[in-house]
Protein backbone atom coordinates (compact mmCIF):
# COMPACT_ATOMS: atom_id res chain seq x y z
CA MET A 1 58.96 16.14 -1.98
CA SER A 2 62.42 16.46 -0.44
CA ARG A 3 64.66 16.38 -3.54
CA PHE A 4 64.74 18.72 -6.53
CA PRO A 5 63.63 16.43 -9.43
CA THR A 6 66.34 15.51 -11.92
CA ILE A 7 64.35 16.69 -14.96
CA LEU A 8 63.73 20.09 -13.38
CA LYS A 9 67.32 20.32 -12.23
CA SER A 10 68.43 19.81 -15.82
CA ALA A 11 65.98 22.40 -17.14
CA PHE A 12 66.94 25.01 -14.54
CA SER A 13 70.63 24.34 -15.18
CA GLN A 14 70.11 25.27 -18.83
CA VAL A 15 68.11 28.48 -18.30
CA CYS A 16 69.38 29.76 -14.92
CA PRO A 17 72.77 31.22 -14.21
CA PRO A 18 74.67 28.87 -11.86
CA VAL A 19 74.54 31.40 -9.04
CA LEU A 20 70.71 31.35 -9.11
CA LEU A 21 70.26 27.58 -9.22
CA PRO A 22 70.48 27.01 -5.42
CA ALA A 23 67.87 29.72 -4.86
CA ALA A 24 65.59 28.12 -7.47
CA ARG A 25 65.92 24.75 -5.74
CA THR A 26 65.07 26.32 -2.38
CA ALA A 27 62.03 28.12 -3.79
CA TYR A 28 60.76 24.91 -5.35
CA ARG A 29 61.09 23.00 -2.08
CA LEU A 30 59.29 25.76 -0.17
CA LEU A 31 56.41 25.87 -2.66
CA ALA A 32 56.09 22.10 -2.68
CA GLY A 33 56.08 21.99 1.11
CA ARG A 34 53.51 24.79 1.31
CA ARG A 35 51.27 23.03 -1.22
CA LYS A 36 51.49 19.73 0.65
CA ALA A 37 50.67 21.41 3.97
CA GLN A 38 47.68 23.23 2.51
CA LEU A 39 46.19 20.13 0.91
CA ALA A 40 46.44 18.07 4.08
CA SER A 41 43.03 17.11 5.41
CA PRO A 42 42.58 17.57 9.15
CA HIS A 43 41.64 14.73 11.47
CA GLU A 44 39.61 16.95 13.77
CA GLN A 45 37.84 20.28 13.73
CA ASP A 46 39.21 23.42 15.41
CA LEU A 47 36.40 24.20 17.85
CA GLU A 48 37.81 26.63 20.42
CA VAL A 49 36.85 29.68 18.36
CA TYR A 50 33.13 29.00 18.90
CA TRP A 51 33.51 29.96 22.57
CA ASP A 52 35.42 33.17 21.77
CA PRO A 53 33.55 36.40 22.68
CA GLU A 54 34.96 38.16 19.61
CA MET A 55 33.61 35.42 17.34
CA GLU A 56 30.24 35.64 19.07
CA GLN A 57 30.09 39.37 18.37
CA MET A 58 31.25 38.99 14.76
CA LEU A 59 28.38 36.57 14.06
CA GLU A 60 25.94 39.39 14.85
CA THR A 61 26.81 41.38 11.71
CA TRP A 62 28.83 39.33 9.21
CA GLY A 63 25.94 38.39 6.88
CA GLU A 64 24.59 41.91 6.36
CA GLY A 65 24.11 42.87 2.72
CA ASN A 66 24.72 39.41 1.30
CA VAL A 67 23.89 36.00 2.80
CA TRP A 68 21.11 37.23 5.09
CA ASP A 69 19.33 38.77 2.09
CA GLU A 70 19.94 35.61 0.07
CA ILE A 71 18.53 33.14 2.59
CA GLN A 72 15.39 35.27 2.84
CA LEU A 73 14.97 35.10 -0.93
CA LEU A 74 15.50 31.31 -0.91
CA MET A 75 12.91 30.83 1.84
CA ALA A 76 10.44 33.60 0.97
CA VAL A 77 7.73 31.44 -0.68
CA ARG A 78 8.29 28.29 1.39
CA THR A 79 6.36 27.02 4.36
CA GLY A 80 7.00 24.40 7.01
CA ARG A 81 9.59 23.43 9.59
CA VAL A 82 13.18 24.57 8.90
CA LEU A 83 16.51 23.67 10.53
CA ASP A 84 19.42 26.12 10.79
CA ILE A 85 22.53 23.89 10.98
CA ALA A 86 25.30 25.54 13.04
CA CYS A 87 22.93 28.40 13.89
CA GLY A 88 25.44 30.35 16.01
CA THR A 89 23.84 33.22 17.90
CA GLY A 90 20.48 32.70 16.17
CA LYS A 91 20.66 35.93 14.17
CA THR A 92 19.64 34.22 10.91
CA MET A 93 16.81 32.43 12.71
CA GLN A 94 15.58 35.76 14.01
CA ILE A 95 15.68 37.28 10.51
CA LEU A 96 13.68 34.39 9.05
CA SER A 97 11.12 34.58 11.84
CA GLY A 98 9.62 37.50 9.95
CA LEU A 99 8.57 35.23 7.08
CA ALA A 100 5.06 33.83 7.43
CA GLY A 101 4.62 30.07 7.40
CA LEU A 102 8.09 29.10 8.68
CA GLU A 103 8.87 27.36 11.97
CA VAL A 104 12.63 27.80 12.35
CA HIS A 105 14.78 25.58 14.61
CA GLY A 106 18.53 25.71 15.18
CA CYS A 107 21.41 23.59 16.44
CA ASP A 108 25.00 24.49 17.25
CA ILE A 109 27.90 22.81 19.03
CA SER A 110 28.58 25.88 21.22
CA ASP A 111 26.48 26.30 24.33
CA ARG A 112 27.77 29.88 24.54
CA LEU A 113 26.31 30.75 21.12
CA ILE A 114 23.05 28.94 21.86
CA ALA A 115 22.76 30.96 25.09
CA ARG A 116 23.05 34.13 22.97
CA ALA A 117 20.26 32.78 20.72
CA ARG A 118 18.02 32.23 23.76
CA ALA A 119 18.82 35.72 25.03
CA ARG A 120 17.51 37.22 21.80
CA GLY A 121 14.14 35.59 22.45
CA ILE A 122 14.29 32.33 20.50
CA ALA A 123 12.36 29.61 22.34
CA SER A 124 14.49 26.96 24.05
CA ASN A 125 12.44 24.15 22.52
CA ARG A 126 13.61 25.31 19.08
CA LEU A 127 17.31 25.25 19.99
CA HIS A 128 19.68 22.32 20.50
CA VAL A 129 23.30 22.16 21.65
CA GLY A 130 25.06 19.37 19.79
CA ASP A 131 27.22 18.17 16.93
CA ALA A 132 25.72 18.52 13.44
CA THR A 133 27.25 15.18 12.45
CA THR A 134 24.79 13.42 14.80
CA LEU A 135 21.51 15.32 14.71
CA PRO A 136 18.93 14.34 17.36
CA TYR A 137 15.86 14.74 15.13
CA PRO A 138 13.68 12.00 13.57
CA ASP A 139 13.81 11.19 9.86
CA LYS A 140 12.19 13.85 7.65
CA HIS A 141 11.39 15.98 10.70
CA PHE A 142 12.06 19.19 8.73
CA ASP A 143 10.79 20.35 5.37
CA TYR A 144 13.96 22.37 4.73
CA ALA A 145 17.40 22.99 6.21
CA TYR A 146 20.23 25.41 5.59
CA SER A 147 23.80 26.17 6.67
CA ILE A 148 25.71 29.41 6.13
CA GLY A 149 29.49 29.62 6.35
CA SER A 150 29.66 26.37 8.29
CA LEU A 151 30.44 23.24 6.27
CA GLU A 152 33.90 24.45 5.25
CA HIS A 153 35.03 24.25 8.90
CA PHE A 154 34.34 20.50 9.24
CA THR A 155 36.77 17.72 8.41
CA GLU A 156 36.11 15.85 5.14
CA GLU A 157 34.56 13.00 7.10
CA GLY A 158 32.55 15.55 9.05
CA ILE A 159 31.25 17.19 5.86
CA ASP A 160 29.98 13.84 4.58
CA ARG A 161 28.34 13.04 7.91
CA VAL A 162 26.64 16.44 8.17
CA LEU A 163 25.27 16.12 4.64
CA ALA A 164 24.04 12.59 5.31
CA GLU A 165 22.32 13.74 8.49
CA CYS A 166 20.88 16.75 6.69
CA ARG A 167 19.31 14.55 4.04
CA ARG A 168 17.99 12.16 6.69
CA VAL A 169 16.16 14.82 8.69
CA THR A 170 15.00 16.95 5.73
CA ARG A 171 12.07 16.13 3.48
CA VAL A 172 12.31 18.52 0.52
CA ALA A 173 15.64 20.39 0.18
CA SER A 174 18.53 22.09 1.94
CA PHE A 175 20.63 25.16 1.12
CA HIS A 176 24.34 25.43 1.97
CA GLN A 177 26.47 28.55 1.53
CA HIS A 178 30.24 28.60 1.92
CA PRO A 179 33.44 29.89 0.28
CA ILE A 180 34.94 28.63 -2.96
CA THR A 181 38.53 29.37 -3.90
CA ARG A 182 39.21 32.24 -6.30
CA GLY A 183 42.36 30.52 -7.55
CA GLY A 184 40.73 27.82 -9.69
CA HIS A 185 42.48 25.00 -7.83
CA ASP A 186 41.94 23.24 -4.50
CA GLU A 187 43.87 25.07 -1.79
CA GLY A 188 42.91 22.51 0.84
CA TRP A 189 42.76 23.17 4.58
CA ILE A 190 43.58 26.83 5.29
CA LYS A 191 44.40 28.28 8.70
CA THR A 192 43.64 31.98 9.15
CA ALA A 193 41.44 33.40 11.92
CA GLN A 194 39.46 30.18 11.43
CA SER A 195 40.43 26.88 9.84
CA TYR A 196 38.51 25.90 6.71
CA PHE A 197 38.57 24.22 3.30
CA ASN A 198 39.09 26.66 0.41
CA ASN A 199 38.43 24.43 -2.59
CA THR A 200 36.75 24.39 -5.99
CA VAL A 201 33.11 23.74 -6.88
CA ASP A 202 34.19 20.36 -8.32
CA TRP A 203 35.74 19.31 -4.98
CA TRP A 204 32.56 20.21 -3.14
CA MET A 205 30.31 18.60 -5.73
CA ARG A 206 32.00 15.25 -5.09
CA HIS A 207 30.77 15.48 -1.49
CA TYR A 208 27.30 16.81 -2.29
CA SER A 209 26.62 14.42 -5.17
CA ALA A 210 27.51 11.42 -3.03
CA THR A 211 24.53 12.23 -0.81
CA PHE A 212 21.92 14.17 -2.79
CA PRO A 213 20.27 13.16 -6.09
CA VAL A 214 19.99 16.75 -7.32
CA VAL A 215 22.46 19.56 -6.55
CA ARG A 216 22.37 23.04 -8.07
CA VAL A 217 25.00 25.74 -7.60
CA LEU A 218 24.07 29.42 -7.30
CA PRO A 219 26.25 32.51 -6.76
CA SER A 220 26.39 34.37 -3.45
CA ARG A 221 27.27 38.03 -3.02
CA TRP A 222 29.55 37.18 -0.09
CA GLU A 223 33.27 37.35 -0.93
CA ASP A 224 36.70 38.06 0.47
CA VAL A 225 40.19 38.40 -1.02
CA ARG A 226 40.71 34.64 -1.20
CA SER A 227 37.24 33.23 -1.87
CA VAL A 228 33.85 33.81 -3.44
CA GLY A 229 30.59 32.54 -2.01
CA LYS A 230 28.40 29.84 -3.55
CA TRP A 231 25.07 28.31 -2.58
CA PHE A 232 24.60 24.56 -3.03
CA VAL A 233 20.91 23.75 -3.34
CA CYS A 234 20.41 20.08 -2.47
CA VAL A 235 17.08 18.52 -3.43
CA ASN A 236 15.64 15.40 -1.79
CA GLU A 237 12.29 15.53 -3.55
CA MET A 238 10.42 18.14 -5.52
CA ASP A 239 7.99 20.29 -3.55
CA THR A 240 4.61 20.04 -5.24
CA ARG A 241 2.65 22.01 -2.65
């Protein structure tokens, strides 16, 4: 929006002193430009960060006291084969390995992070380096799947493809945790230390509901100054075991 709208110009002219009108026009243009930039959807993911040593180290502790407790509660009474989508250094996989009846596998696009997962003792045949939008597993190979702090970093097309692949390879249900904006409106694609979507539950539900027949939203204890965490529980079929 390059021109100050006529209707707003008239309104500001009536309530603002003439000396302040140019500043008001400038502020409006800056806010409109900022809003447009934030809502732009990226054409490709920012991937370089997943080979950064500082990111690798951060992944070793970031879920303490919130999401790592929550995923254990979600999986505590379940059994079967489980996929960790964008598993990073394998820390969550290691935590879940203490639950009886689970066979946990992981995939991540970063060979550096997968190497860290192997170094912590996770078997190589349970790890895969690759893009989550094209998973290498057969249909319904896993009983469950989960992702934590991952989907928000994909493009919109990438989100839809990951969810479609997740449903294809998962038999019962999957669990996805990521940030939701505190502001009550879609902020779009944000660039901070990482690039990500900071949008509303409604925005995300449009993506989830296009793929899964049943989606339930649960709170997460994770939060920061801009976002709160939510879990999206996506059901393929009810587990009757």
